[in-house]
Every structure is written in structure tokens, then in C-alpha cells.
N, C-alpha and C. Protein backbone atom coordinates (compact mmCIF):
# COMPACT_ATOMS: atom_id res chain seq x y z
N MET A 1 8.14 -36.67 15.39
CA MET A 1 7.68 -36.56 13.90
C MET A 1 6.98 -35.09 13.59
N LYS A 2 5.64 -35.12 14.67
CA LYS A 2 4.58 -34.01 14.44
C LYS A 2 5.25 -32.60 14.68
N ASP A 3 6.77 -32.67 15.51
CA ASP A 3 7.10 -31.33 16.03
C ASP A 3 8.26 -31.13 14.83
N ILE A 4 8.67 -32.05 14.20
CA ILE A 4 9.64 -31.72 12.35
C ILE A 4 8.56 -31.07 11.60
N ILE A 5 7.20 -31.77 11.43
CA ILE A 5 6.60 -31.08 10.72
C ILE A 5 5.96 -29.58 10.90
N LYS A 6 5.53 -29.81 11.86
CA LYS A 6 4.92 -28.08 13.11
C LYS A 6 6.21 -27.57 12.51
N SER A 7 7.63 -27.20 12.95
CA SER A 7 8.44 -26.84 12.74
C SER A 7 8.54 -26.28 11.35
N THR A 8 8.81 -26.97 10.33
CA THR A 8 8.94 -26.57 9.14
C THR A 8 7.45 -25.75 8.18
N PHE A 9 6.47 -26.64 8.76
CA PHE A 9 5.20 -25.59 8.60
C PHE A 9 5.37 -23.94 8.94
N TYR A 10 5.78 -23.66 10.42
CA TYR A 10 6.12 -22.55 10.69
C TYR A 10 7.33 -21.93 9.98
N VAL A 11 8.01 -22.92 9.19
CA VAL A 11 9.43 -22.21 8.45
C VAL A 11 8.91 -21.46 7.18
N MET A 12 8.33 -22.44 6.75
CA MET A 12 7.42 -22.15 5.60
C MET A 12 7.10 -20.71 5.49
N LEU A 13 5.98 -20.38 6.36
CA LEU A 13 5.44 -19.30 6.41
C LEU A 13 6.48 -18.16 6.46
N PHE A 14 7.09 -18.18 7.14
CA PHE A 14 8.30 -17.27 7.57
C PHE A 14 9.08 -16.95 6.45
N VAL A 15 9.43 -17.64 5.74
CA VAL A 15 10.21 -17.52 4.40
C VAL A 15 9.32 -17.11 3.59
N VAL A 16 8.12 -17.07 3.14
CA VAL A 16 6.91 -16.47 2.53
C VAL A 16 6.89 -15.04 3.13
N ILE A 17 7.00 -14.62 4.28
CA ILE A 17 6.63 -13.04 4.64
C ILE A 17 8.23 -12.73 4.30
N VAL A 18 9.00 -13.32 4.50
CA VAL A 18 10.43 -12.73 4.32
C VAL A 18 10.47 -12.47 2.79
N VAL A 19 10.53 -12.92 1.96
CA VAL A 19 10.14 -13.22 0.80
C VAL A 19 9.21 -11.82 0.20
N VAL A 20 7.86 -11.92 0.81
CA VAL A 20 7.25 -10.64 0.50
C VAL A 20 8.11 -9.80 0.91
N GLY A 21 8.29 -9.62 2.17
CA GLY A 21 9.41 -8.17 2.34
C GLY A 21 10.54 -7.84 1.66
N VAL A 22 11.45 -8.95 0.97
CA VAL A 22 12.02 -8.63 0.04
C VAL A 22 11.60 -7.74 -1.31
N ASP A 23 10.51 -8.76 -1.37
CA ASP A 23 9.50 -8.24 -2.94
C ASP A 23 8.81 -6.43 -2.91
N CYS A 24 8.41 -6.46 -1.46
CA CYS A 24 8.27 -4.44 -1.35
C CYS A 24 9.38 -4.04 -1.39
N PHE A 25 10.55 -4.64 -0.50
CA PHE A 25 11.54 -3.38 -0.24
C PHE A 25 12.15 -3.11 -2.13
N TRP A 26 12.26 -4.35 -3.30
CA TRP A 26 12.65 -3.33 -4.73
C TRP A 26 11.59 -3.03 -5.29
N THR A 27 10.17 -3.34 -4.90
CA THR A 27 9.44 -2.40 -5.51
C THR A 27 9.63 -0.85 -4.77
N ILE A 28 10.09 -0.56 -3.56
CA ILE A 28 9.72 0.92 -3.21
C ILE A 28 11.15 1.40 -3.93
N LYS A 29 12.50 0.32 -3.74
CA LYS A 29 13.71 1.11 -4.42
C LYS A 29 13.72 1.01 -5.66
N THR A 30 12.97 0.65 -6.69
CA THR A 30 12.58 0.70 -8.01
C THR A 30 11.30 1.42 -8.83
N ALA A 31 10.78 2.48 -7.83
CA ALA A 31 9.79 3.32 -7.75
C ALA A 31 9.61 3.88 -9.45
N GLN A 32 10.69 4.39 -9.04
CA GLN A 32 10.90 5.53 -10.26
C GLN A 32 10.42 5.00 -11.73
N THR A 33 11.32 3.63 -11.72
CA THR A 33 11.33 2.69 -12.84
C THR A 33 10.09 1.89 -12.81
N ILE A 34 9.21 0.83 -12.06
CA ILE A 34 8.68 -0.21 -11.64
C ILE A 34 7.69 -0.44 -13.37
N LEU A 35 7.44 0.55 -13.60
CA LEU A 35 6.44 0.24 -15.05
C LEU A 35 7.06 -0.21 -15.86
N GLU A 36 8.24 0.44 -16.14
CA GLU A 36 8.76 -0.39 -17.16
C GLU A 36 9.33 -1.98 -16.83
N ASN A 37 9.47 -2.45 -15.48
CA ASN A 37 9.69 -3.67 -15.68
C ASN A 37 8.66 -4.31 -14.75
N GLU A 38 7.67 -3.92 -14.20
CA GLU A 38 6.91 -4.38 -13.91
C GLU A 38 5.87 -5.72 -14.96
N GLN A 39 6.00 -7.03 -14.89
CA GLN A 39 5.31 -7.90 -15.31
C GLN A 39 3.86 -8.42 -15.36
N ASN A 40 3.47 -8.04 -13.98
CA ASN A 40 2.26 -8.33 -13.66
C ASN A 40 1.27 -7.49 -14.43
N PRO A 41 0.37 -7.89 -14.85
CA PRO A 41 -0.63 -6.63 -15.12
C PRO A 41 -1.84 -5.96 -14.20
N ILE A 42 -1.75 -6.77 -13.30
CA ILE A 42 -3.01 -6.13 -12.05
C ILE A 42 -1.53 -5.32 -11.60
N ALA A 43 -0.82 -5.69 -11.32
CA ALA A 43 -0.08 -4.83 -10.35
C ALA A 43 0.45 -3.18 -11.48
N ARG A 44 0.72 -3.56 -12.69
CA ARG A 44 0.41 -2.39 -13.00
C ARG A 44 -0.45 -1.25 -13.27
N LEU A 45 -1.88 -2.07 -12.90
CA LEU A 45 -3.40 -1.46 -13.16
C LEU A 45 -3.02 -0.70 -11.71
N ILE A 46 -3.08 -1.14 -10.69
CA ILE A 46 -2.52 -0.57 -9.08
C ILE A 46 -1.80 0.65 -9.27
N ILE A 47 -0.48 0.36 -9.83
CA ILE A 47 0.51 1.68 -10.13
C ILE A 47 0.12 2.75 -10.73
N THR A 48 -0.45 2.70 -11.68
CA THR A 48 -1.02 3.73 -12.42
C THR A 48 -2.18 4.03 -11.84
N TYR A 49 -3.23 3.45 -11.54
CA TYR A 49 -4.33 4.25 -11.02
C TYR A 49 -4.51 4.29 -9.66
N GLY A 50 -3.18 3.73 -8.81
CA GLY A 50 -2.99 4.01 -8.27
C GLY A 50 -2.00 5.33 -7.29
N ASN A 51 -1.59 5.78 -8.48
CA ASN A 51 -0.77 6.78 -8.08
C ASN A 51 0.78 6.39 -7.24
N GLY A 52 1.25 5.47 -8.01
CA GLY A 52 2.46 5.19 -7.15
C GLY A 52 2.35 3.85 -6.65
N VAL A 53 3.55 3.67 -5.97
CA VAL A 53 3.62 2.31 -5.59
C VAL A 53 3.53 1.79 -4.19
N SER A 54 2.76 2.75 -3.33
CA SER A 54 2.32 2.79 -2.19
C SER A 54 1.16 2.11 -1.74
N LEU A 55 0.31 1.81 -2.74
CA LEU A 55 -1.05 1.02 -3.05
C LEU A 55 -0.96 -0.40 -3.23
N LEU A 56 0.34 -0.59 -3.79
CA LEU A 56 0.69 -1.78 -4.67
C LEU A 56 1.45 -2.63 -3.27
N VAL A 57 2.12 -1.82 -2.62
CA VAL A 57 2.88 -2.68 -1.66
C VAL A 57 1.97 -2.59 -0.44
N PHE A 58 1.38 -1.71 -0.07
CA PHE A 58 0.39 -2.15 1.01
C PHE A 58 -0.59 -3.24 0.90
N LEU A 59 -1.21 -3.24 -0.07
CA LEU A 59 -1.53 -4.62 -0.75
C LEU A 59 -1.16 -5.89 -0.57
N LYS A 60 -0.16 -5.95 -1.27
CA LYS A 60 0.94 -7.17 -0.94
C LYS A 60 1.03 -7.25 0.43
N ILE A 61 1.50 -6.07 1.00
CA ILE A 61 1.09 -6.95 2.84
C ILE A 61 0.39 -7.12 3.25
N ILE A 62 -0.54 -6.52 3.28
CA ILE A 62 -2.06 -6.88 3.95
C ILE A 62 -3.13 -8.33 3.33
N ASN A 63 -2.56 -8.60 1.82
CA ASN A 63 -2.71 -9.97 1.25
C ASN A 63 -2.30 -11.13 2.04
N THR A 64 -0.55 -10.87 2.31
CA THR A 64 0.39 -11.86 2.78
C THR A 64 -0.23 -12.01 4.00
N LEU A 65 -0.25 -10.77 4.93
CA LEU A 65 -0.84 -11.49 6.43
C LEU A 65 -2.14 -12.06 6.63
N PHE A 66 -3.00 -11.96 5.29
CA PHE A 66 -4.63 -12.49 5.47
C PHE A 66 -3.82 -13.84 4.85
N VAL A 67 -3.75 -14.40 4.14
CA VAL A 67 -3.45 -15.57 3.56
C VAL A 67 -2.69 -16.51 5.06
N VAL A 68 -1.39 -15.78 5.69
CA VAL A 68 -0.80 -16.15 6.36
C VAL A 68 -1.61 -16.60 7.82
N TYR A 69 -2.26 -15.49 8.47
CA TYR A 69 -3.21 -15.80 9.09
C TYR A 69 -4.80 -17.20 8.93
N LEU A 70 -5.14 -17.33 7.50
CA LEU A 70 -5.92 -18.41 7.50
C LEU A 70 -4.87 -19.56 7.09
N LEU A 71 -3.48 -19.67 6.69
CA LEU A 71 -3.17 -20.82 6.84
C LEU A 71 -2.63 -21.38 8.00
N TYR A 72 -2.59 -20.22 9.23
CA TYR A 72 -2.30 -20.71 10.47
C TYR A 72 -3.75 -21.52 11.55
N ARG A 73 -4.69 -20.79 10.88
CA ARG A 73 -5.94 -21.36 11.30
C ARG A 73 -6.14 -22.51 11.13
N PHE A 74 -6.04 -22.20 9.29
CA PHE A 74 -6.60 -24.14 9.18
C PHE A 74 -5.66 -25.07 9.76
N TYR A 75 -4.48 -24.62 9.78
CA TYR A 75 -3.65 -25.87 10.20
C TYR A 75 -3.57 -25.96 11.56
N ILE A 76 -4.28 -25.29 12.43
CA ILE A 76 -4.31 -25.41 13.83
C ILE A 76 -5.34 -26.55 14.25
N ILE A 77 -6.44 -26.95 13.17
CA ILE A 77 -7.59 -27.54 13.11
C ILE A 77 -7.30 -28.83 12.57
N ASP A 78 -7.29 -30.08 13.22
CA ASP A 78 -6.60 -31.39 12.82
C ASP A 78 -7.32 -31.96 11.64
N LYS A 79 -8.49 -32.00 11.01
CA LYS A 79 -8.84 -31.82 10.38
C LYS A 79 -8.67 -31.35 8.79
N PHE A 80 -7.92 -30.48 8.47
CA PHE A 80 -7.04 -29.44 7.67
C PHE A 80 -6.00 -29.66 7.16
N ARG A 81 -5.46 -30.24 8.48
CA ARG A 81 -3.76 -29.98 8.82
C ARG A 81 -3.15 -30.52 7.37
N SER A 82 -3.12 -31.94 7.09
CA SER A 82 -2.31 -32.21 5.96
C SER A 82 -2.63 -31.10 4.02
N LYS A 83 -3.96 -31.19 4.31
CA LYS A 83 -4.13 -30.10 2.85
C LYS A 83 -3.90 -28.91 3.49
N THR A 84 -3.47 -28.26 4.61
CA THR A 84 -2.90 -26.93 4.88
C THR A 84 -1.57 -26.85 4.45
N PHE A 85 -1.28 -28.03 5.22
CA PHE A 85 0.10 -28.02 4.64
C PHE A 85 0.71 -28.44 3.30
N LEU A 86 0.32 -29.12 2.45
CA LEU A 86 0.38 -28.98 1.11
C LEU A 86 -0.04 -27.88 0.25
N THR A 87 -0.55 -27.07 0.85
CA THR A 87 -1.18 -25.84 -0.01
C THR A 87 0.07 -24.51 0.66
N THR A 88 0.47 -24.94 1.95
CA THR A 88 1.67 -23.94 2.49
C THR A 88 2.99 -24.33 1.73
N PHE A 89 2.82 -25.21 1.77
CA PHE A 89 4.25 -26.24 0.73
C PHE A 89 3.90 -25.55 -0.87
N GLY A 90 3.25 -25.27 -1.32
CA GLY A 90 3.02 -24.80 -2.42
C GLY A 90 3.28 -23.65 -2.69
N ILE A 91 2.93 -22.65 -1.70
CA ILE A 91 3.22 -21.30 -1.73
C ILE A 91 4.28 -21.15 -1.56
N PHE A 92 5.04 -21.98 -0.57
CA PHE A 92 6.38 -21.67 -0.11
C PHE A 92 7.12 -21.90 -1.34
N ILE A 93 7.02 -22.90 -2.26
CA ILE A 93 7.61 -23.09 -3.18
C ILE A 93 8.00 -21.93 -4.58
N PHE A 94 6.57 -21.45 -4.39
CA PHE A 94 6.69 -20.22 -5.31
C PHE A 94 7.33 -19.14 -5.01
N HIS A 95 6.88 -19.21 -3.87
CA HIS A 95 7.91 -18.04 -3.61
C HIS A 95 9.59 -17.98 -3.10
N CYS A 96 9.78 -19.59 -3.21
CA CYS A 96 11.39 -19.31 -3.35
C CYS A 96 11.41 -19.31 -5.03
N TRP A 97 10.70 -19.88 -5.72
CA TRP A 97 11.55 -19.19 -7.15
C TRP A 97 10.92 -17.48 -7.20
N LEU A 98 10.04 -17.14 -6.69
CA LEU A 98 9.89 -15.18 -6.94
C LEU A 98 11.30 -14.64 -6.10
N LEU A 99 11.71 -15.22 -5.07
CA LEU A 99 12.87 -14.96 -4.30
C LEU A 99 14.08 -14.86 -5.71
N TYR A 100 13.96 -16.28 -6.05
CA TYR A 100 15.56 -16.64 -7.16
C TYR A 100 14.78 -15.27 -8.03
N TYR A 101 13.75 -15.35 -8.95
CA TYR A 101 13.74 -14.22 -9.68
C TYR A 101 14.02 -12.87 -9.56
N LEU A 102 13.73 -12.61 -8.16
CA LEU A 102 13.69 -11.24 -7.89
C LEU A 102 15.42 -10.79 -7.71
N PHE A 103 16.00 -11.52 -7.80
CA PHE A 103 17.60 -11.65 -7.63
C PHE A 103 18.85 -11.70 -8.64
N PHE A 104 17.99 -12.69 -9.67
CA PHE A 104 19.01 -13.60 -10.16
C PHE A 104 18.11 -13.29 -12.17
N GLY A 105 16.66 -13.25 -12.07
CA GLY A 105 15.98 -13.32 -13.35
C GLY A 105 15.84 -12.49 -14.34
N HIS A 106 16.22 -11.20 -14.01
CA HIS A 106 16.13 -10.39 -14.41
C HIS A 106 17.31 -9.39 -13.99
N GLN A 107 17.98 -7.88 -15.10
CA GLN A 107 18.45 -7.39 -14.65
C GLN A 107 18.00 -6.02 -13.92
N LEU A 108 18.28 -5.36 -12.70
CA LEU A 108 18.02 -4.40 -12.50
C LEU A 108 18.57 -2.77 -13.12
N PRO A 109 17.77 -2.19 -12.76
CA PRO A 109 17.70 -1.01 -13.62
C PRO A 109 19.41 0.41 -13.33
N TYR A 110 19.89 -0.34 -12.24
CA TYR A 110 20.89 0.20 -11.98
C TYR A 110 22.53 -0.79 -11.73
């Protein structure tokens, strides 16, 4: 049973990383029109003052790697394993919704 839970944890982390990769791909692909479609006010600020999407993509990747690293480090500590699993599950569910939104939630400009 522990192996199944451990495998599930790693699959959830992998899915989070893949979804962020897809999100970064769409951000770069729609760089010319991203400000028209971006709904996150912080991302809009970063794009505007960062002179394009490169800073936004960099921050997405760095923050994702940092969070995945923290989740992994907390997961290997027995004391925090169940809480870390639940936290990862919440992040996983959000990223599943994000993936759905990226593909089906709005019309792309092309």
C-alpha cells in the first residue's frame, strides 16, 4: 500500500510539472496577444514591466521547481508525509483544472 501511495505522490508531482510546461508553451506561443487574454493581474504586471513573456515563463519554471522540491523534501520526512500528500493532491487538482482551462476554457486567438 505504501508503494502505491508513494507512486501516486510522484505521479502527481510529474503531472504538475507537465501542466506548467504546457502553460509555459501556450504563454510563449501566444506571446503577441497574451495581454489581451491573460486574466491574472500579477502575470499582466510581470509581462508589462518585464518587457515580454520571458520573465513570466522564467518565474513560472523557477517557482514550480521550488515548490516541487519543497514538497519532495517534506514528503520524505515521515512526520509530514500525510499533510504533504494532501497538499500535493490539492495542487494536483488545481493543475488538472488549469490544463482543462488551457485547452477548453477559452478560445485561442488563432
